[in-house]
Amino acid sequence: MTPRFPDGLSVSDVYGQWRSPAGAFVRQNSKALFIVLSGRPDEQQRLDMVRDAYKRRFHQQAVLLVEEKACVGF
């Protein structure tokens, strides 16, 4: 993550569940990643690359992405 988003990020351990295409509930420990984006045009592509790599590495069918506009300050 850091090479693609060097300006900073936060990671939290979470417990999640989702319903598989077959209808079964899948429950697992997971990670929640928080990134504040600047709006640069290449950010969506970098997010997609990270999500695709995560799916391949951890054999996941899906990786949740939530996008929300926010006013932030540090």
N, C-alpha and C. Protein backbone atom coordinates (compact mmCIF):
# COMPACT_ATOMS: atom_id res chain seq x y z
N MET A 1 0.81 -1.20 0.00
CA MET A 1 0.00 0.00 0.00
C MET A 1 0.85 1.26 0.00
N THR A 2 1.83 1.29 0.86
CA THR A 2 2.61 2.52 1.02
C THR A 2 3.27 2.99 -0.27
N PRO A 3 3.84 2.10 -1.09
CA PRO A 3 4.42 2.60 -2.34
C PRO A 3 3.40 3.28 -3.26
N ARG A 4 2.16 2.83 -3.24
CA ARG A 4 1.13 3.42 -4.11
C ARG A 4 0.46 4.64 -3.47
N PHE A 5 0.48 4.71 -2.13
CA PHE A 5 -0.14 5.83 -1.41
C PHE A 5 0.81 6.31 -0.31
N PRO A 6 1.92 6.94 -0.70
CA PRO A 6 2.95 7.32 0.26
C PRO A 6 2.58 8.47 1.19
N ASP A 7 1.48 9.18 0.91
CA ASP A 7 1.11 10.32 1.74
C ASP A 7 0.51 9.91 3.07
N GLY A 8 0.15 8.63 3.23
CA GLY A 8 -0.37 8.15 4.50
C GLY A 8 -1.62 7.33 4.38
N LEU A 9 -1.85 6.51 5.39
CA LEU A 9 -3.01 5.65 5.45
C LEU A 9 -3.14 5.10 6.86
N SER A 10 -4.29 4.51 7.16
CA SER A 10 -4.51 3.85 8.45
C SER A 10 -5.09 2.48 8.18
N VAL A 11 -4.73 1.51 9.03
CA VAL A 11 -5.22 0.14 8.90
C VAL A 11 -5.76 -0.30 10.25
N SER A 12 -6.93 -0.94 10.23
CA SER A 12 -7.53 -1.48 11.46
C SER A 12 -7.91 -2.94 11.24
N ASP A 13 -7.78 -3.74 12.29
CA ASP A 13 -8.28 -5.11 12.26
C ASP A 13 -9.79 -5.07 12.41
N VAL A 14 -10.49 -5.84 11.59
CA VAL A 14 -11.95 -5.90 11.65
C VAL A 14 -12.41 -7.35 11.48
N TYR A 15 -13.64 -7.61 11.86
CA TYR A 15 -14.27 -8.90 11.62
C TYR A 15 -15.42 -8.64 10.66
N GLY A 16 -15.44 -9.35 9.55
CA GLY A 16 -16.46 -9.08 8.56
C GLY A 16 -17.21 -10.31 8.13
N GLN A 17 -18.30 -10.07 7.44
CA GLN A 17 -19.04 -11.16 6.82
C GLN A 17 -19.71 -10.65 5.56
N TRP A 18 -19.95 -11.55 4.65
CA TRP A 18 -20.67 -11.24 3.42
C TRP A 18 -21.32 -12.51 2.92
N ARG A 19 -22.26 -12.36 2.02
CA ARG A 19 -22.96 -13.51 1.47
C ARG A 19 -22.33 -13.86 0.13
N SER A 20 -21.90 -15.09 -0.01
CA SER A 20 -21.27 -15.54 -1.25
C SER A 20 -22.32 -15.66 -2.35
N PRO A 21 -21.88 -15.75 -3.61
CA PRO A 21 -22.85 -15.93 -4.71
C PRO A 21 -23.70 -17.18 -4.54
N ALA A 22 -23.19 -18.18 -3.81
CA ALA A 22 -23.95 -19.40 -3.57
C ALA A 22 -24.96 -19.24 -2.44
N GLY A 23 -24.93 -18.08 -1.75
CA GLY A 23 -25.88 -17.81 -0.68
C GLY A 23 -25.38 -18.09 0.72
N ALA A 24 -24.18 -18.63 0.84
CA ALA A 24 -23.62 -18.93 2.16
C ALA A 24 -23.00 -17.68 2.77
N PHE A 25 -23.08 -17.56 4.09
CA PHE A 25 -22.41 -16.47 4.78
C PHE A 25 -20.94 -16.83 4.96
N VAL A 26 -20.10 -15.90 4.64
CA VAL A 26 -18.65 -16.07 4.82
C VAL A 26 -18.23 -15.08 5.89
N ARG A 27 -17.65 -15.61 6.97
CA ARG A 27 -17.21 -14.77 8.09
C ARG A 27 -15.71 -14.91 8.23
N GLN A 28 -15.03 -13.78 8.43
CA GLN A 28 -13.58 -13.85 8.52
C GLN A 28 -12.99 -12.60 9.15
N ASN A 29 -11.82 -12.79 9.74
CA ASN A 29 -11.05 -11.63 10.19
C ASN A 29 -10.52 -10.93 8.95
N SER A 30 -10.40 -9.63 9.02
CA SER A 30 -10.01 -8.87 7.85
C SER A 30 -9.32 -7.59 8.28
N LYS A 31 -9.09 -6.72 7.35
CA LYS A 31 -8.48 -5.42 7.58
C LYS A 31 -9.37 -4.35 6.96
N ALA A 32 -9.42 -3.20 7.61
CA ALA A 32 -10.06 -2.02 7.03
C ALA A 32 -8.96 -1.00 6.79
N LEU A 33 -8.90 -0.49 5.60
CA LEU A 33 -7.87 0.45 5.19
C LEU A 33 -8.52 1.80 4.92
N PHE A 34 -7.97 2.85 5.49
CA PHE A 34 -8.50 4.19 5.33
C PHE A 34 -7.45 5.05 4.64
N ILE A 35 -7.84 5.66 3.52
CA ILE A 35 -6.93 6.53 2.77
C ILE A 35 -7.68 7.81 2.44
N VAL A 36 -7.05 8.94 2.68
CA VAL A 36 -7.60 10.23 2.25
C VAL A 36 -6.95 10.55 0.91
N LEU A 37 -7.77 10.63 -0.11
CA LEU A 37 -7.25 10.87 -1.47
C LEU A 37 -7.31 12.35 -1.81
N SER A 38 -6.45 12.75 -2.71
CA SER A 38 -6.36 14.16 -3.10
C SER A 38 -7.25 14.51 -4.28
N GLY A 39 -7.68 13.51 -5.03
CA GLY A 39 -8.47 13.77 -6.23
C GLY A 39 -7.65 13.72 -7.51
N ARG A 40 -6.38 13.34 -7.40
CA ARG A 40 -5.55 13.22 -8.60
C ARG A 40 -6.13 12.16 -9.52
N PRO A 41 -5.98 12.33 -10.83
CA PRO A 41 -6.62 11.42 -11.79
C PRO A 41 -6.15 9.97 -11.72
N ASP A 42 -4.95 9.70 -11.24
CA ASP A 42 -4.43 8.33 -11.23
C ASP A 42 -4.81 7.54 -9.98
N GLU A 43 -5.47 8.15 -9.03
CA GLU A 43 -5.76 7.47 -7.76
C GLU A 43 -6.71 6.28 -7.92
N GLN A 44 -7.70 6.39 -8.77
CA GLN A 44 -8.62 5.27 -8.96
C GLN A 44 -7.89 4.07 -9.54
N GLN A 45 -7.01 4.30 -10.48
CA GLN A 45 -6.23 3.21 -11.06
C GLN A 45 -5.34 2.56 -10.00
N ARG A 46 -4.72 3.36 -9.15
CA ARG A 46 -3.88 2.80 -8.09
C ARG A 46 -4.71 1.99 -7.10
N LEU A 47 -5.91 2.47 -6.76
CA LEU A 47 -6.80 1.70 -5.88
C LEU A 47 -7.17 0.37 -6.51
N ASP A 48 -7.52 0.39 -7.79
CA ASP A 48 -7.89 -0.84 -8.48
C ASP A 48 -6.74 -1.84 -8.51
N MET A 49 -5.53 -1.35 -8.71
CA MET A 49 -4.36 -2.23 -8.73
C MET A 49 -4.16 -2.90 -7.37
N VAL A 50 -4.32 -2.14 -6.30
CA VAL A 50 -4.15 -2.71 -4.96
C VAL A 50 -5.25 -3.72 -4.67
N ARG A 51 -6.48 -3.39 -5.02
CA ARG A 51 -7.59 -4.32 -4.77
C ARG A 51 -7.41 -5.61 -5.55
N ASP A 52 -7.00 -5.51 -6.81
CA ASP A 52 -6.77 -6.71 -7.63
C ASP A 52 -5.65 -7.57 -7.05
N ALA A 53 -4.57 -6.94 -6.61
CA ALA A 53 -3.46 -7.68 -6.02
C ALA A 53 -3.89 -8.38 -4.73
N TYR A 54 -4.71 -7.71 -3.91
CA TYR A 54 -5.20 -8.31 -2.67
C TYR A 54 -6.06 -9.53 -2.97
N LYS A 55 -6.95 -9.41 -3.95
CA LYS A 55 -7.80 -10.55 -4.31
C LYS A 55 -6.97 -11.74 -4.75
N ARG A 56 -5.96 -11.50 -5.57
CA ARG A 56 -5.10 -12.60 -6.02
C ARG A 56 -4.31 -13.21 -4.86
N ARG A 57 -3.70 -12.37 -4.06
CA ARG A 57 -2.83 -12.86 -2.98
C ARG A 57 -3.59 -13.65 -1.93
N PHE A 58 -4.79 -13.19 -1.58
CA PHE A 58 -5.54 -13.82 -0.50
C PHE A 58 -6.74 -14.62 -1.01
N HIS A 59 -6.79 -14.87 -2.32
CA HIS A 59 -7.83 -15.71 -2.93
C HIS A 59 -9.24 -15.23 -2.56
N GLN A 60 -9.47 -13.93 -2.72
CA GLN A 60 -10.75 -13.33 -2.39
C GLN A 60 -11.58 -13.12 -3.65
N GLN A 61 -12.89 -13.28 -3.53
CA GLN A 61 -13.79 -13.02 -4.65
C GLN A 61 -14.12 -11.53 -4.75
N ALA A 62 -14.05 -10.84 -3.62
CA ALA A 62 -14.45 -9.43 -3.61
C ALA A 62 -13.64 -8.68 -2.56
N VAL A 63 -13.46 -7.40 -2.82
CA VAL A 63 -12.82 -6.49 -1.86
C VAL A 63 -13.70 -5.24 -1.81
N LEU A 64 -14.24 -4.95 -0.65
CA LEU A 64 -15.14 -3.82 -0.48
C LEU A 64 -14.41 -2.49 -0.65
N LEU A 65 -15.04 -1.58 -1.36
CA LEU A 65 -14.52 -0.22 -1.50
C LEU A 65 -15.66 0.73 -1.19
N VAL A 66 -15.44 1.63 -0.26
CA VAL A 66 -16.41 2.67 0.08
C VAL A 66 -15.74 4.00 -0.22
N GLU A 67 -16.37 4.80 -1.04
CA GLU A 67 -15.85 6.13 -1.36
C GLU A 67 -16.82 7.17 -0.82
N GLU A 68 -16.27 8.16 -0.13
CA GLU A 68 -17.10 9.20 0.45
C GLU A 68 -16.34 10.52 0.41
N LYS A 69 -17.00 11.55 -0.02
CA LYS A 69 -16.38 12.90 0.02
C LYS A 69 -16.34 13.37 1.46
N ALA A 70 -15.25 14.03 1.80
CA ALA A 70 -15.11 14.47 3.18
C ALA A 70 -14.25 15.74 3.23
N CYS A 71 -14.43 16.49 4.25
CA CYS A 71 -13.59 17.65 4.54
C CYS A 71 -12.68 17.21 5.68
N VAL A 72 -11.38 17.16 5.45
CA VAL A 72 -10.45 16.66 6.46
C VAL A 72 -9.39 17.69 6.76
N GLY A 73 -8.79 17.55 7.92
CA GLY A 73 -7.69 18.40 8.31
C GLY A 73 -6.76 17.63 9.23
N PHE A 74 -5.50 17.99 9.21
CA PHE A 74 -4.52 17.32 10.05
C PHE A 74 -3.81 18.33 10.90
